Amino acid sequence: GISYIDPDAFVGLEENLQYLRLGDNNLHMIPSDALRKLHRLRHLDLRSNNISIIPEDAFASYGDSITFLNLQKNDIKTLPTLGFDNLNSLETLNLQNNKLVHIPEEIMEPIVDTLRVVDIMDNPLVCDCELRWY
């Protein structure tokens, strides 16, 4: 499977690419440098990779376009505090089958109004007040 995506991999597709499936590969990080140029990206599938860390700015430039984000079956242990801050069109977020113990309310607060589907099953979540948003 794919383990690296060149920052210029999607040059020429910036205004056209809407659906991108990169699932079932060997990515260890979100290829933000390649993805942030895709201004029309609506559907991003990164399931079944080896992603363990999501940088604060991983999804920084998709605010108005991304409606579907699939991060299931990775090794994600924590979510960045501002990671979803500007994803104001996000409707579906799949975090199923990761290693999340806590999902603080302040992380979800910016997107909770637009979300229709949130899947956090199969995570070793500690049920505490931080999950009130759910």
N, C-alpha and C. Protein backbone atom coordinates (compact mmCIF):
# COMPACT_ATOMS: atom_id res chain seq x y z
N GLY A 1 0.81 -1.20 0.00
CA GLY A 1 0.00 0.00 0.00
C GLY A 1 0.85 1.26 0.00
N ILE A 2 0.21 2.35 -0.19
CA ILE A 2 0.86 3.66 -0.23
C ILE A 2 1.31 4.06 1.18
N SER A 3 2.56 4.50 1.29
CA SER A 3 3.05 4.95 2.60
C SER A 3 3.42 6.43 2.59
N TYR A 4 3.50 7.03 1.40
CA TYR A 4 3.87 8.45 1.30
C TYR A 4 3.13 9.07 0.12
N ILE A 5 2.67 10.30 0.30
CA ILE A 5 2.03 11.03 -0.79
C ILE A 5 2.79 12.33 -0.98
N ASP A 6 3.34 12.50 -2.15
CA ASP A 6 4.12 13.69 -2.48
C ASP A 6 3.24 14.94 -2.37
N PRO A 7 3.79 16.04 -1.86
CA PRO A 7 3.01 17.28 -1.75
C PRO A 7 2.42 17.75 -3.08
N ASP A 8 3.03 17.36 -4.20
CA ASP A 8 2.52 17.76 -5.51
C ASP A 8 1.69 16.68 -6.19
N ALA A 9 1.31 15.65 -5.47
CA ALA A 9 0.60 14.51 -6.05
C ALA A 9 -0.71 14.90 -6.74
N PHE A 10 -1.38 15.92 -6.25
CA PHE A 10 -2.69 16.27 -6.79
C PHE A 10 -2.69 17.59 -7.56
N VAL A 11 -1.51 18.03 -8.00
CA VAL A 11 -1.41 19.26 -8.77
C VAL A 11 -2.25 19.12 -10.04
N GLY A 12 -3.05 20.13 -10.33
CA GLY A 12 -3.94 20.10 -11.49
C GLY A 12 -5.35 19.67 -11.12
N LEU A 13 -5.52 19.13 -9.93
CA LEU A 13 -6.84 18.66 -9.49
C LEU A 13 -7.44 19.56 -8.40
N GLU A 14 -6.75 20.66 -8.10
CA GLU A 14 -7.13 21.52 -6.97
C GLU A 14 -8.59 21.95 -6.98
N GLU A 15 -9.12 22.25 -8.15
CA GLU A 15 -10.49 22.77 -8.23
C GLU A 15 -11.51 21.71 -8.62
N ASN A 16 -11.06 20.47 -8.84
CA ASN A 16 -11.98 19.44 -9.31
C ASN A 16 -12.19 18.26 -8.37
N LEU A 17 -11.13 17.84 -7.69
CA LEU A 17 -11.21 16.62 -6.88
C LEU A 17 -12.15 16.81 -5.69
N GLN A 18 -13.18 15.96 -5.62
CA GLN A 18 -14.16 16.06 -4.54
C GLN A 18 -14.16 14.84 -3.63
N TYR A 19 -13.84 13.67 -4.18
CA TYR A 19 -13.85 12.43 -3.41
C TYR A 19 -12.47 11.81 -3.46
N LEU A 20 -11.90 11.53 -2.30
CA LEU A 20 -10.57 10.95 -2.24
C LEU A 20 -10.56 9.81 -1.23
N ARG A 21 -10.29 8.62 -1.75
CA ARG A 21 -10.24 7.42 -0.90
C ARG A 21 -8.81 6.94 -0.81
N LEU A 22 -8.23 7.09 0.36
CA LEU A 22 -6.86 6.65 0.61
C LEU A 22 -6.84 5.56 1.69
N GLY A 23 -7.96 4.89 1.85
CA GLY A 23 -8.07 3.85 2.87
C GLY A 23 -7.26 2.61 2.52
N ASP A 24 -7.03 1.78 3.54
CA ASP A 24 -6.32 0.50 3.37
C ASP A 24 -4.93 0.68 2.79
N ASN A 25 -4.22 1.65 3.31
CA ASN A 25 -2.83 1.88 2.89
C ASN A 25 -1.93 1.83 4.12
N ASN A 26 -0.75 2.39 3.98
CA ASN A 26 0.21 2.35 5.07
C ASN A 26 0.68 3.77 5.42
N LEU A 27 -0.25 4.71 5.38
CA LEU A 27 0.08 6.09 5.73
C LEU A 27 0.25 6.20 7.24
N HIS A 28 1.33 6.82 7.68
CA HIS A 28 1.57 7.01 9.11
C HIS A 28 1.19 8.41 9.56
N MET A 29 0.90 9.27 8.58
CA MET A 29 0.48 10.63 8.90
C MET A 29 -0.49 11.12 7.83
N ILE A 30 -1.27 12.10 8.19
CA ILE A 30 -2.20 12.69 7.23
C ILE A 30 -1.37 13.51 6.24
N PRO A 31 -1.51 13.24 4.94
CA PRO A 31 -0.69 13.95 3.95
C PRO A 31 -1.18 15.38 3.71
N SER A 32 -1.13 16.19 4.76
CA SER A 32 -1.69 17.54 4.74
C SER A 32 -1.14 18.42 3.63
N ASP A 33 0.16 18.32 3.36
CA ASP A 33 0.76 19.17 2.33
C ASP A 33 0.16 18.90 0.96
N ALA A 34 -0.18 17.67 0.69
CA ALA A 34 -0.80 17.32 -0.59
C ALA A 34 -2.29 17.66 -0.59
N LEU A 35 -2.95 17.47 0.53
CA LEU A 35 -4.40 17.64 0.61
C LEU A 35 -4.86 19.08 0.72
N ARG A 36 -4.07 19.94 1.36
CA ARG A 36 -4.57 21.28 1.66
C ARG A 36 -4.79 22.13 0.41
N LYS A 37 -4.28 21.69 -0.73
CA LYS A 37 -4.51 22.43 -1.99
C LYS A 37 -5.85 22.07 -2.63
N LEU A 38 -6.50 21.02 -2.13
CA LEU A 38 -7.73 20.53 -2.74
C LEU A 38 -8.94 21.30 -2.19
N HIS A 39 -9.22 22.43 -2.81
CA HIS A 39 -10.23 23.36 -2.29
C HIS A 39 -11.66 22.86 -2.38
N ARG A 40 -11.92 21.85 -3.21
CA ARG A 40 -13.29 21.36 -3.38
C ARG A 40 -13.53 20.00 -2.73
N LEU A 41 -12.54 19.51 -2.01
CA LEU A 41 -12.63 18.18 -1.42
C LEU A 41 -13.80 18.10 -0.45
N ARG A 42 -14.69 17.14 -0.71
CA ARG A 42 -15.88 16.97 0.13
C ARG A 42 -15.81 15.70 0.98
N HIS A 43 -15.20 14.68 0.41
CA HIS A 43 -15.23 13.34 1.01
C HIS A 43 -13.80 12.84 1.14
N LEU A 44 -13.30 12.71 2.36
CA LEU A 44 -11.92 12.26 2.58
C LEU A 44 -11.94 10.99 3.42
N ASP A 45 -11.45 9.91 2.82
CA ASP A 45 -11.45 8.60 3.47
C ASP A 45 -10.01 8.17 3.73
N LEU A 46 -9.63 8.15 5.00
CA LEU A 46 -8.28 7.74 5.41
C LEU A 46 -8.35 6.50 6.32
N ARG A 47 -9.39 5.72 6.17
CA ARG A 47 -9.57 4.55 7.04
C ARG A 47 -8.48 3.51 6.84
N SER A 48 -8.24 2.72 7.86
CA SER A 48 -7.33 1.57 7.81
C SER A 48 -5.94 1.93 7.32
N ASN A 49 -5.35 2.90 7.98
CA ASN A 49 -3.95 3.25 7.75
C ASN A 49 -3.24 3.07 9.09
N ASN A 50 -2.12 3.68 9.25
CA ASN A 50 -1.39 3.61 10.52
C ASN A 50 -1.20 5.00 11.11
N ILE A 51 -2.19 5.84 10.92
CA ILE A 51 -2.12 7.22 11.41
C ILE A 51 -2.27 7.22 12.93
N SER A 52 -1.32 7.83 13.61
CA SER A 52 -1.40 7.87 15.07
C SER A 52 -1.55 9.30 15.60
N ILE A 53 -1.09 10.27 14.83
CA ILE A 53 -1.15 11.66 15.28
C ILE A 53 -1.84 12.52 14.21
N ILE A 54 -2.72 13.37 14.66
CA ILE A 54 -3.36 14.34 13.77
C ILE A 54 -2.80 15.71 14.15
N PRO A 55 -2.02 16.34 13.27
CA PRO A 55 -1.50 17.68 13.58
C PRO A 55 -2.64 18.70 13.71
N GLU A 56 -2.40 19.74 14.48
CA GLU A 56 -3.41 20.81 14.68
C GLU A 56 -3.93 21.35 13.35
N ASP A 57 -3.04 21.47 12.36
CA ASP A 57 -3.43 22.09 11.08
C ASP A 57 -3.74 21.07 9.99
N ALA A 58 -3.95 19.82 10.35
CA ALA A 58 -4.16 18.77 9.35
C ALA A 58 -5.32 19.09 8.40
N PHE A 59 -6.38 19.69 8.92
CA PHE A 59 -7.56 19.97 8.09
C PHE A 59 -7.82 21.47 7.97
N ALA A 60 -6.75 22.25 8.06
CA ALA A 60 -6.87 23.71 8.16
C ALA A 60 -7.52 24.40 6.97
N SER A 61 -7.45 23.86 5.78
CA SER A 61 -7.96 24.64 4.64
C SER A 61 -9.21 24.06 4.00
N TYR A 62 -9.88 23.14 4.67
CA TYR A 62 -11.08 22.54 4.05
C TYR A 62 -12.38 23.03 4.66
N GLY A 63 -12.33 24.11 5.41
CA GLY A 63 -13.49 24.57 6.15
C GLY A 63 -14.83 24.47 5.47
N ASP A 64 -14.95 24.98 4.28
CA ASP A 64 -16.25 25.03 3.63
C ASP A 64 -16.59 23.82 2.78
N SER A 65 -15.62 22.96 2.53
CA SER A 65 -15.90 21.88 1.58
C SER A 65 -16.11 20.50 2.20
N ILE A 66 -15.30 20.09 3.16
CA ILE A 66 -15.37 18.72 3.68
C ILE A 66 -16.69 18.45 4.40
N THR A 67 -17.42 17.43 3.94
CA THR A 67 -18.65 17.01 4.61
C THR A 67 -18.50 15.63 5.24
N PHE A 68 -17.53 14.85 4.76
CA PHE A 68 -17.34 13.47 5.22
C PHE A 68 -15.87 13.22 5.51
N LEU A 69 -15.57 12.78 6.73
CA LEU A 69 -14.19 12.50 7.13
C LEU A 69 -14.15 11.15 7.83
N ASN A 70 -13.44 10.20 7.23
CA ASN A 70 -13.35 8.86 7.79
C ASN A 70 -11.93 8.59 8.26
N LEU A 71 -11.77 8.42 9.56
CA LEU A 71 -10.46 8.13 10.17
C LEU A 71 -10.51 6.80 10.94
N GLN A 72 -11.49 5.96 10.61
CA GLN A 72 -11.63 4.72 11.37
C GLN A 72 -10.47 3.75 11.13
N LYS A 73 -10.25 2.87 12.08
CA LYS A 73 -9.22 1.83 12.01
C LYS A 73 -7.82 2.40 11.80
N ASN A 74 -7.46 3.34 12.64
CA ASN A 74 -6.11 3.88 12.68
C ASN A 74 -5.58 3.69 14.10
N ASP A 75 -4.54 4.38 14.45
CA ASP A 75 -3.95 4.26 15.79
C ASP A 75 -4.02 5.59 16.54
N ILE A 76 -5.07 6.36 16.28
CA ILE A 76 -5.19 7.69 16.86
C ILE A 76 -5.50 7.60 18.35
N LYS A 77 -4.63 8.22 19.15
CA LYS A 77 -4.79 8.19 20.61
C LYS A 77 -5.40 9.47 21.16
N THR A 78 -5.07 10.59 20.52
CA THR A 78 -5.62 11.88 20.96
C THR A 78 -6.02 12.70 19.74
N LEU A 79 -6.94 13.62 19.97
CA LEU A 79 -7.36 14.54 18.91
C LEU A 79 -6.79 15.91 19.22
N PRO A 80 -6.33 16.62 18.20
CA PRO A 80 -5.75 17.95 18.44
C PRO A 80 -6.84 18.94 18.87
N THR A 81 -6.50 19.80 19.79
CA THR A 81 -7.46 20.74 20.36
C THR A 81 -8.17 21.57 19.29
N LEU A 82 -7.43 22.05 18.30
CA LEU A 82 -8.02 22.89 17.26
C LEU A 82 -8.19 22.14 15.94
N GLY A 83 -8.05 20.85 15.97
CA GLY A 83 -8.04 20.03 14.76
C GLY A 83 -9.25 20.15 13.87
N PHE A 84 -10.43 20.29 14.46
CA PHE A 84 -11.67 20.34 13.68
C PHE A 84 -12.27 21.75 13.68
N ASP A 85 -11.51 22.71 14.17
CA ASP A 85 -12.00 24.06 14.42
C ASP A 85 -12.74 24.72 13.26
N ASN A 86 -12.25 24.57 12.05
CA ASN A 86 -12.87 25.30 10.93
C ASN A 86 -13.63 24.38 9.98
N LEU A 87 -13.90 23.16 10.38
CA LEU A 87 -14.64 22.24 9.50
C LEU A 87 -16.13 22.50 9.63
N ASN A 88 -16.54 23.66 9.17
CA ASN A 88 -17.92 24.09 9.39
C ASN A 88 -18.95 23.49 8.44
N SER A 89 -18.55 22.54 7.60
CA SER A 89 -19.50 21.83 6.74
C SER A 89 -19.54 20.34 7.06
N LEU A 90 -18.76 19.92 8.06
CA LEU A 90 -18.63 18.49 8.36
C LEU A 90 -19.95 17.91 8.87
N GLU A 91 -20.41 16.85 8.18
CA GLU A 91 -21.66 16.17 8.56
C GLU A 91 -21.40 14.78 9.13
N THR A 92 -20.36 14.10 8.63
CA THR A 92 -20.05 12.75 9.08
C THR A 92 -18.60 12.66 9.53
N LEU A 93 -18.40 12.20 10.75
CA LEU A 93 -17.06 12.00 11.30
C LEU A 93 -16.98 10.59 11.85
N ASN A 94 -16.10 9.78 11.26
CA ASN A 94 -15.94 8.41 11.72
C ASN A 94 -14.59 8.25 12.39
N LEU A 95 -14.61 8.01 13.69
CA LEU A 95 -13.40 7.80 14.48
C LEU A 95 -13.39 6.40 15.09
N GLN A 96 -14.23 5.54 14.54
CA GLN A 96 -14.39 4.18 15.06
C GLN A 96 -13.07 3.40 15.05
N ASN A 97 -12.90 2.57 16.06
CA ASN A 97 -11.79 1.63 16.11
C ASN A 97 -10.42 2.31 16.07
N ASN A 98 -10.22 3.25 16.97
CA ASN A 98 -8.93 3.89 17.17
C ASN A 98 -8.51 3.60 18.62
N LYS A 99 -7.69 4.45 19.17
CA LYS A 99 -7.23 4.24 20.55
C LYS A 99 -7.55 5.45 21.42
N LEU A 100 -8.68 6.08 21.11
CA LEU A 100 -9.09 7.28 21.83
C LEU A 100 -9.61 6.93 23.23
N VAL A 101 -9.07 7.61 24.23
CA VAL A 101 -9.51 7.43 25.61
C VAL A 101 -10.41 8.60 26.02
N HIS A 102 -10.08 9.80 25.55
CA HIS A 102 -10.85 11.01 25.84
C HIS A 102 -11.14 11.76 24.54
N ILE A 103 -12.33 12.33 24.47
CA ILE A 103 -12.67 13.24 23.37
C ILE A 103 -13.22 14.50 24.04
N PRO A 104 -12.34 15.45 24.37
CA PRO A 104 -12.77 16.66 25.08
C PRO A 104 -13.83 17.45 24.32
N GLU A 105 -14.74 17.99 25.07
CA GLU A 105 -15.85 18.76 24.51
C GLU A 105 -15.37 19.92 23.65
N GLU A 106 -14.28 20.59 24.06
CA GLU A 106 -13.82 21.76 23.30
C GLU A 106 -13.33 21.39 21.90
N ILE A 107 -12.97 20.14 21.69
CA ILE A 107 -12.55 19.69 20.36
C ILE A 107 -13.76 19.56 19.45
N MET A 108 -14.85 19.04 19.99
CA MET A 108 -16.05 18.79 19.19
C MET A 108 -16.97 20.00 19.09
N GLU A 109 -16.86 20.91 20.03
CA GLU A 109 -17.77 22.07 20.10
C GLU A 109 -17.91 22.83 18.78
N PRO A 110 -16.82 23.10 18.04
CA PRO A 110 -16.97 23.87 16.79
C PRO A 110 -17.74 23.14 15.70
N ILE A 111 -17.84 21.80 15.77
CA ILE A 111 -18.48 21.06 14.68
C ILE A 111 -19.77 20.37 15.09
N VAL A 112 -20.10 20.41 16.36
CA VAL A 112 -21.24 19.63 16.84
C VAL A 112 -22.57 20.07 16.20
N ASP A 113 -22.69 21.30 15.78
CA ASP A 113 -23.93 21.78 15.18
C ASP A 113 -24.17 21.27 13.76
N THR A 114 -23.10 21.02 13.00
CA THR A 114 -23.29 20.55 11.63
C THR A 114 -23.26 19.03 11.53
N LEU A 115 -22.67 18.37 12.53
CA LEU A 115 -22.55 16.91 12.48
C LEU A 115 -23.90 16.22 12.52
N ARG A 116 -24.05 15.23 11.64
CA ARG A 116 -25.25 14.39 11.66
C ARG A 116 -24.91 12.99 12.12
N VAL A 117 -23.68 12.55 11.79
CA VAL A 117 -23.23 11.21 12.17
C VAL A 117 -21.84 11.31 12.80
N VAL A 118 -21.71 10.77 14.00
CA VAL A 118 -20.42 10.65 14.67
C VAL A 118 -20.30 9.21 15.14
N ASP A 119 -19.25 8.53 14.70
CA ASP A 119 -19.04 7.15 15.13
C ASP A 119 -17.76 7.07 15.95
N ILE A 120 -17.91 6.77 17.24
CA ILE A 120 -16.74 6.65 18.12
C ILE A 120 -16.69 5.25 18.76
N MET A 121 -17.39 4.29 18.15
CA MET A 121 -17.39 2.93 18.67
C MET A 121 -15.99 2.31 18.66
N ASP A 122 -15.82 1.30 19.48
CA ASP A 122 -14.57 0.52 19.51
C ASP A 122 -13.34 1.36 19.81
N ASN A 123 -13.48 2.28 20.73
CA ASN A 123 -12.37 3.04 21.28
C ASN A 123 -12.37 2.76 22.79
N PRO A 124 -11.22 2.78 23.43
CA PRO A 124 -11.19 2.54 24.88
C PRO A 124 -11.56 3.80 25.68
N LEU A 125 -12.70 4.38 25.33
CA LEU A 125 -13.13 5.65 25.93
C LEU A 125 -13.43 5.53 27.42
N VAL A 126 -13.00 6.53 28.16
CA VAL A 126 -13.35 6.67 29.56
C VAL A 126 -14.62 7.51 29.59
N CYS A 127 -15.66 6.96 30.14
CA CYS A 127 -16.93 7.67 30.17
C CYS A 127 -16.92 8.69 31.31
N ASP A 128 -16.76 9.95 30.95
CA ASP A 128 -16.73 11.03 31.93
C ASP A 128 -17.45 12.24 31.36
N CYS A 129 -17.40 13.33 32.06
CA CYS A 129 -18.11 14.54 31.63
C CYS A 129 -17.61 15.08 30.29
N GLU A 130 -16.41 14.70 29.89
CA GLU A 130 -15.87 15.17 28.61
C GLU A 130 -16.72 14.67 27.43
N LEU A 131 -17.49 13.61 27.64
CA LEU A 131 -18.31 13.04 26.57
C LEU A 131 -19.74 13.59 26.55
N ARG A 132 -20.01 14.62 27.33
CA ARG A 132 -21.36 15.20 27.37
C ARG A 132 -21.88 15.59 26.00
N TRP A 133 -21.00 16.08 25.14
CA TRP A 133 -21.41 16.53 23.80
C TRP A 133 -22.04 15.40 23.01
N TYR A 134 -21.68 14.14 23.32
CA TYR A 134 -22.12 12.98 22.54
C TYR A 134 -23.52 12.62 22.94
